[in-house]
Amino acid sequence: MKKRSMDEMDRLSIEAFKEADKNPIVLVLDNVRSLNNVGSAFRTADAFLVEKIYLCGITGTPPHREIHKTALGATESVSWEYREHTLELIRELRKSGYRVCALEQAAHSTPLHRFQAKPNQPYALVFGNEVFGVHEEVLLAADHVLEIPQLGTKHSLNISVTIGIALWDLVCKTEGLEK
């Protein structure tokens, strides 16, 4: 077994990425404080052909050295927009046909592996602050609250890991790998 070279991976150029059909998914970062987590969100969004990232509240925005360090150039390929108020954005996304899914440990949440996603349905995945999570008002406005079941002693995953798991799951369920 030999690792593939960069040329053998046949990755999209930034221009080709921008013109490619995207998976109908947006990420919403609700007051994420770590710029490294923001950069990781960009990198993961690029990997799964996500439409856009919304950076809300105190979430840092490009250009920033710490974001760039983990994004590895994905701030150039993935569309993004800053919004001051997450709840207003969620309401707009719902009116535009997005099903809003907040990732949070909450009463009556749906385990991620049991969530029935539909192909061609636009989704907005909301990820919250590393300490306080997704704001309660945003949870109440969401269509679904999804939770990644955990089996060990720790009660949470890093947001960048959560984004990766949730995007992989949703892209698989919506047949987004077929692009």
C-alpha atoms as a PDB file:
ATOM      1  CA  MET A   1       0.000   0.000   0.000  1.00  0.00           C
ATOM      2  CA  LYS A   2       1.431   3.361  -1.061  1.00  0.00           C
ATOM      3  CA  LYS A   3       0.131   6.783  -0.074  1.00  0.00           C
ATOM      4  CA  ARG A   4      -1.240   8.808  -2.951  1.00  0.00           C
ATOM      5  CA  SER A   5       0.599  11.930  -4.012  1.00  0.00           C
ATOM      6  CA  MET A   6      -1.151  15.309  -4.144  1.00  0.00           C
ATOM      7  CA  ASP A   7      -1.387  15.003  -7.952  1.00  0.00           C
ATOM      8  CA  GLU A   8      -2.988  11.568  -7.684  1.00  0.00           C
ATOM      9  CA  MET A   9      -5.719  12.903  -5.363  1.00  0.00           C
ATOM     10  CA  ASP A  10      -7.042  15.152  -8.137  1.00  0.00           C
ATOM     11  CA  ARG A  11      -8.349  17.840  -5.776  1.00  0.00           C
ATOM     12  CA  LEU A  12     -10.389  20.783  -7.001  1.00  0.00           C
ATOM     13  CA  SER A  13      -8.746  24.144  -7.555  1.00  0.00           C
ATOM     14  CA  ILE A  14     -10.208  27.051  -5.591  1.00  0.00           C
ATOM     15  CA  GLU A  15     -11.943  28.264  -8.747  1.00  0.00           C
ATOM     16  CA  ALA A  16     -13.388  24.814  -9.472  1.00  0.00           C
ATOM     17  CA  PHE A  17     -14.535  24.497  -5.843  1.00  0.00           C
ATOM     18  CA  LYS A  18     -16.367  27.820  -6.031  1.00  0.00           C
ATOM     19  CA  GLU A  19     -18.199  26.704  -9.193  1.00  0.00           C
ATOM     20  CA  ALA A  20     -18.905  23.124  -8.059  1.00  0.00           C
ATOM     21  CA  ASP A  21     -22.368  21.973  -7.036  1.00  0.00           C
ATOM     22  CA  LYS A  22     -22.340  22.103  -3.255  1.00  0.00           C
ATOM     23  CA  ASN A  23     -24.002  19.892  -0.734  1.00  0.00           C
ATOM     24  CA  PRO A  24     -27.074  21.826   0.490  1.00  0.00           C
ATOM     25  CA  ILE A  25     -25.580  22.331   3.948  1.00  0.00           C
ATOM     26  CA  VAL A  26     -24.535  25.450   5.811  1.00  0.00           C
ATOM     27  CA  LEU A  27     -22.648  25.615   9.089  1.00  0.00           C
ATOM     28  CA  VAL A  28     -23.630  28.124  11.756  1.00  0.00           C
ATOM     29  CA  LEU A  29     -21.031  28.844  14.422  1.00  0.00           C
ATOM     30  CA  ASP A  30     -22.857  30.333  17.410  1.00  0.00           C
ATOM     31  CA  ASN A  31     -20.369  32.342  19.495  1.00  0.00           C
ATOM     32  CA  VAL A  32     -17.409  30.002  18.987  1.00  0.00           C
ATOM     33  CA  ARG A  33     -14.464  31.517  20.834  1.00  0.00           C
ATOM     34  CA  SER A  34     -11.509  29.480  19.539  1.00  0.00           C
ATOM     35  CA  LEU A  35     -10.055  30.746  16.286  1.00  0.00           C
ATOM     36  CA  ASN A  36      -8.462  27.318  15.780  1.00  0.00           C
ATOM     37  CA  ASN A  37     -11.952  25.779  15.878  1.00  0.00           C
ATOM     38  CA  VAL A  38     -13.141  28.335  13.331  1.00  0.00           C
ATOM     39  CA  GLY A  39     -10.250  27.410  11.036  1.00  0.00           C
ATOM     40  CA  SER A  40     -11.029  23.721  11.454  1.00  0.00           C
ATOM     41  CA  ALA A  41     -14.673  24.397  10.537  1.00  0.00           C
ATOM     42  CA  PHE A  42     -13.510  25.973   7.270  1.00  0.00           C
ATOM     43  CA  ARG A  43     -11.215  23.069   6.467  1.00  0.00           C
ATOM     44  CA  THR A  44     -13.932  20.488   7.158  1.00  0.00           C
ATOM     45  CA  ALA A  45     -16.528  22.508   5.219  1.00  0.00           C
ATOM     46  CA  ASP A  46     -14.177  22.483   2.236  1.00  0.00           C
ATOM     47  CA  ALA A  47     -13.720  18.698   2.515  1.00  0.00           C
ATOM     48  CA  PHE A  48     -17.487  18.112   2.259  1.00  0.00           C
ATOM     49  CA  LEU A  49     -18.399  20.804  -0.324  1.00  0.00           C
ATOM     50  CA  VAL A  50     -20.493  22.811   2.136  1.00  0.00           C
ATOM     51  CA  GLU A  51     -22.367  25.826   0.724  1.00  0.00           C
ATOM     52  CA  LYS A  52     -21.403  28.371   3.345  1.00  0.00           C
ATOM     53  CA  ILE A  53     -20.335  29.073   6.907  1.00  0.00           C
ATOM     54  CA  TYR A  54     -22.072  31.688   9.037  1.00  0.00           C
ATOM     55  CA  LEU A  55     -19.921  33.148  11.795  1.00  0.00           C
ATOM     56  CA  CYS A  56     -22.147  34.592  14.515  1.00  0.00           C
ATOM     57  CA  GLY A  57     -21.747  36.718  17.629  1.00  0.00           C
ATOM     58  CA  ILE A  58     -18.240  36.611  19.103  1.00  0.00           C
ATOM     59  CA  THR A  59     -17.011  34.094  16.529  1.00  0.00           C
ATOM     60  CA  GLY A  60     -13.827  35.377  14.891  1.00  0.00           C
ATOM     61  CA  THR A  61     -13.674  36.000  11.158  1.00  0.00           C
ATOM     62  CA  PRO A  62     -10.978  35.781   8.492  1.00  0.00           C
ATOM     63  CA  PRO A  63      -8.463  37.083   7.843  1.00  0.00           C
ATOM     64  CA  HIS A  64      -6.756  36.036  11.052  1.00  0.00           C
ATOM     65  CA  ARG A  65      -3.483  34.191  11.595  1.00  0.00           C
ATOM     66  CA  GLU A  66      -4.978  31.622  13.991  1.00  0.00           C
ATOM     67  CA  ILE A  67      -7.873  30.834  11.649  1.00  0.00           C
ATOM     68  CA  HIS A  68      -5.526  30.562   8.684  1.00  0.00           C
ATOM     69  CA  LYS A  69      -3.230  28.177  10.589  1.00  0.00           C
ATOM     70  CA  THR A  70      -5.917  25.470  10.870  1.00  0.00           C
ATOM     71  CA  ALA A  71      -7.980  26.332   7.770  1.00  0.00           C
ATOM     72  CA  LEU A  72      -4.996  25.689   5.471  1.00  0.00           C
ATOM     73  CA  GLY A  73      -6.423  27.933   2.753  1.00  0.00           C
ATOM     74  CA  ALA A  74     -10.075  26.895   3.070  1.00  0.00           C
ATOM     75  CA  THR A  75     -11.061  30.477   3.899  1.00  0.00           C
ATOM     76  CA  GLU A  76     -10.341  31.149   0.218  1.00  0.00           C
ATOM     77  CA  SER A  77     -12.605  28.360  -1.075  1.00  0.00           C
ATOM     78  CA  VAL A  78     -15.552  28.238   1.356  1.00  0.00           C
ATOM     79  CA  SER A  79     -18.054  31.105   1.288  1.00  0.00           C
ATOM     80  CA  TRP A  80     -18.703  32.739   4.629  1.00  0.00           C
ATOM     81  CA  GLU A  81     -20.653  35.562   6.163  1.00  0.00           C
ATOM     82  CA  TYR A  82     -20.641  37.246   9.566  1.00  0.00           C
ATOM     83  CA  ARG A  83     -23.945  37.707  11.409  1.00  0.00           C
ATOM     84  CA  GLU A  84     -24.280  39.390  14.769  1.00  0.00           C
ATOM     85  CA  HIS A  85     -27.406  37.528  15.891  1.00  0.00           C
ATOM     86  CA  THR A  86     -27.662  33.751  15.494  1.00  0.00           C
ATOM     87  CA  LEU A  87     -31.393  33.614  16.220  1.00  0.00           C
ATOM     88  CA  GLU A  88     -32.232  36.082  13.416  1.00  0.00           C
ATOM     89  CA  LEU A  89     -30.127  34.030  11.013  1.00  0.00           C
ATOM     90  CA  ILE A  90     -31.834  30.781  12.060  1.00  0.00           C
ATOM     91  CA  ARG A  91     -35.229  32.315  11.370  1.00  0.00           C
ATOM     92  CA  GLU A  92     -34.075  33.472   7.913  1.00  0.00           C
ATOM     93  CA  LEU A  93     -32.639  30.059   7.081  1.00  0.00           C
ATOM     94  CA  ARG A  94     -35.877  28.324   8.091  1.00  0.00           C
ATOM     95  CA  LYS A  95     -37.885  30.700   5.888  1.00  0.00           C
ATOM     96  CA  SER A  96     -35.530  29.833   3.027  1.00  0.00           C
ATOM     97  CA  GLY A  97     -36.303  26.130   3.406  1.00  0.00           C
ATOM     98  CA  TYR A  98     -33.396  24.947   5.544  1.00  0.00           C
ATOM     99  CA  ARG A  99     -34.041  22.406   8.277  1.00  0.00           C
ATOM    100  CA  VAL A 100     -32.096  23.715  11.271  1.00  0.00           C
ATOM    101  CA  CYS A 101     -30.263  21.109  13.331  1.00  0.00           C
ATOM    102  CA  ALA A 102     -28.511  22.231  16.508  1.00  0.00           C
ATOM    103  CA  LEU A 103     -25.809  19.906  17.821  1.00  0.00           C
ATOM    104  CA  GLU A 104     -26.199  19.872  21.591  1.00  0.00           C
ATOM    105  CA  GLN A 105     -26.636  17.636  24.593  1.00  0.00           C
ATOM    106  CA  ALA A 106     -30.208  18.379  25.553  1.00  0.00           C
ATOM    107  CA  ALA A 107     -33.314  16.731  26.932  1.00  0.00           C
ATOM    108  CA  HIS A 108     -35.216  14.991  24.131  1.00  0.00           C
ATOM    109  CA  SER A 109     -32.359  15.340  21.626  1.00  0.00           C
ATOM    110  CA  THR A 110     -32.150  12.824  18.784  1.00  0.00           C
ATOM    111  CA  PRO A 111     -29.045  10.642  18.663  1.00  0.00           C
ATOM    112  CA  LEU A 112     -27.221  11.544  15.456  1.00  0.00           C
ATOM    113  CA  HIS A 113     -27.200   7.971  14.157  1.00  0.00           C
ATOM    114  CA  ARG A 114     -31.014   7.843  14.440  1.00  0.00           C
ATOM    115  CA  PHE A 115     -31.629  11.115  12.606  1.00  0.00           C
ATOM    116  CA  GLN A 116     -33.326  10.512   9.236  1.00  0.00           C
ATOM    117  CA  ALA A 117     -31.878  13.061   6.825  1.00  0.00           C
ATOM    118  CA  LYS A 118     -33.378  13.483   3.372  1.00  0.00           C
ATOM    119  CA  PRO A 119     -31.413  13.903   0.127  1.00  0.00           C
ATOM    120  CA  ASN A 120     -31.785  17.341  -1.487  1.00  0.00           C
ATOM    121  CA  GLN A 121     -33.166  18.858   1.730  1.00  0.00           C
ATOM    122  CA  PRO A 122     -31.109  21.926   2.716  1.00  0.00           C
ATOM    123  CA  TYR A 123     -29.741  21.706   6.267  1.00  0.00           C
ATOM    124  CA  ALA A 124     -28.217  24.256   8.619  1.00  0.00           C
ATOM    125  CA  LEU A 125     -26.022  22.694  11.307  1.00  0.00           C
ATOM    126  CA  VAL A 126     -25.583  24.888  14.383  1.00  0.00           C
ATOM    127  CA  PHE A 127     -22.560  24.491  16.661  1.00  0.00           C
ATOM    128  CA  GLY A 128     -22.196  26.427  19.898  1.00  0.00           C
ATOM    129  CA  ASN A 129     -19.680  27.980  22.212  1.00  0.00           C
ATOM    130  CA  GLU A 130     -17.048  25.617  23.612  1.00  0.00           C
ATOM    131  CA  VAL A 131     -18.131  26.265  27.221  1.00  0.00           C
ATOM    132  CA  PHE A 132     -21.797  27.249  27.053  1.00  0.00           C
ATOM    133  CA  GLY A 133     -22.946  25.380  23.933  1.00  0.00           C
ATOM    134  CA  VAL A 134     -25.739  26.539  21.637  1.00  0.00           C
ATOM    135  CA  HIS A 135     -27.847  29.348  23.116  1.00  0.00           C
ATOM    136  CA  GLU A 136     -31.164  28.151  24.553  1.00  0.00           C
ATOM    137  CA  GLU A 137     -33.182  30.478  22.305  1.00  0.00           C
ATOM    138  CA  VAL A 138     -31.458  28.997  19.255  1.00  0.00           C
ATOM    139  CA  LEU A 139     -32.203  25.450  20.466  1.00  0.00           C
ATOM    140  CA  LEU A 140     -35.870  26.340  20.816  1.00  0.00           C
ATOM    141  CA  ALA A 141     -35.944  27.771  17.268  1.00  0.00           C
ATOM    142  CA  ALA A 142     -34.247  24.726  15.705  1.00  0.00           C
ATOM    143  CA  ASP A 143     -36.179  22.013  13.883  1.00  0.00           C
ATOM    144  CA  HIS A 144     -34.034  19.292  15.441  1.00  0.00           C
ATOM    145  CA  VAL A 145     -31.568  18.984  18.303  1.00  0.00           C
ATOM    146  CA  LEU A 146     -29.045  16.278  17.512  1.00  0.00           C
ATOM    147  CA  GLU A 147     -26.630  14.672  19.925  1.00  0.00           C
ATOM    148  CA  ILE A 148     -23.578  12.525  19.296  1.00  0.00           C
ATOM    149  CA  PRO A 149     -23.779   9.661  21.814  1.00  0.00           C
ATOM    150  CA  GLN A 150     -20.620   9.251  23.872  1.00  0.00           C
ATOM    151  CA  LEU A 151     -19.529   6.196  25.779  1.00  0.00           C
ATOM    152  CA  GLY A 152     -16.575   7.300  27.918  1.00  0.00           C
ATOM    153  CA  THR A 153     -16.090   9.467  30.987  1.00  0.00           C
ATOM    154  CA  LYS A 154     -15.911  12.842  29.226  1.00  0.00           C
ATOM    155  CA  HIS A 155     -19.132  14.711  28.581  1.00  0.00           C
ATOM    156  CA  SER A 156     -18.235  16.561  25.408  1.00  0.00           C
ATOM    157  CA  LEU A 157     -16.262  16.526  22.179  1.00  0.00           C
ATOM    158  CA  ASN A 158     -14.241  19.393  20.759  1.00  0.00           C
ATOM    159  CA  ILE A 159     -16.352  21.433  18.352  1.00  0.00           C
ATOM    160  CA  SER A 160     -14.021  20.662  15.448  1.00  0.00           C
ATOM    161  CA  VAL A 161     -14.491  16.923  16.050  1.00  0.00           C
ATOM    162  CA  THR A 162     -18.260  17.392  16.364  1.00  0.00           C
ATOM    163  CA  ILE A 163     -18.376  19.277  13.060  1.00  0.00           C
ATOM    164  CA  GLY A 164     -16.453  16.487  11.336  1.00  0.00           C
ATOM    165  CA  ILE A 165     -18.665  13.723  12.705  1.00  0.00           C
ATOM    166  CA  ALA A 166     -21.915  15.579  11.992  1.00  0.00           C
ATOM    167  CA  LEU A 167     -20.930  16.575   8.457  1.00  0.00           C
ATOM    168  CA  TRP A 168     -19.738  13.076   7.578  1.00  0.00           C
ATOM    169  CA  ASP A 169     -22.986  11.596   8.876  1.00  0.00           C
ATOM    170  CA  LEU A 170     -25.213  14.115   7.089  1.00  0.00           C
ATOM    171  CA  VAL A 171     -23.316  13.973   3.795  1.00  0.00           C
ATOM    172  CA  CYS A 172     -23.503  10.162   3.828  1.00  0.00           C
ATOM    173  CA  LYS A 173     -27.228  10.151   4.632  1.00  0.00           C
ATOM    174  CA  THR A 174     -28.043  12.714   1.960  1.00  0.00           C
ATOM    175  CA  GLU A 175     -25.947  10.956  -0.698  1.00  0.00           C
ATOM    176  CA  GLY A 176     -23.625  13.967  -0.880  1.00  0.00           C
ATOM    177  CA  LEU A 177     -20.555  11.819  -1.483  1.00  0.00           C
ATOM    178  CA  GLU A 178     -21.901  11.075  -4.946  1.00  0.00           C
ATOM    179  CA  LYS A 179     -21.010  14.569  -6.215  1.00  0.00           C
END
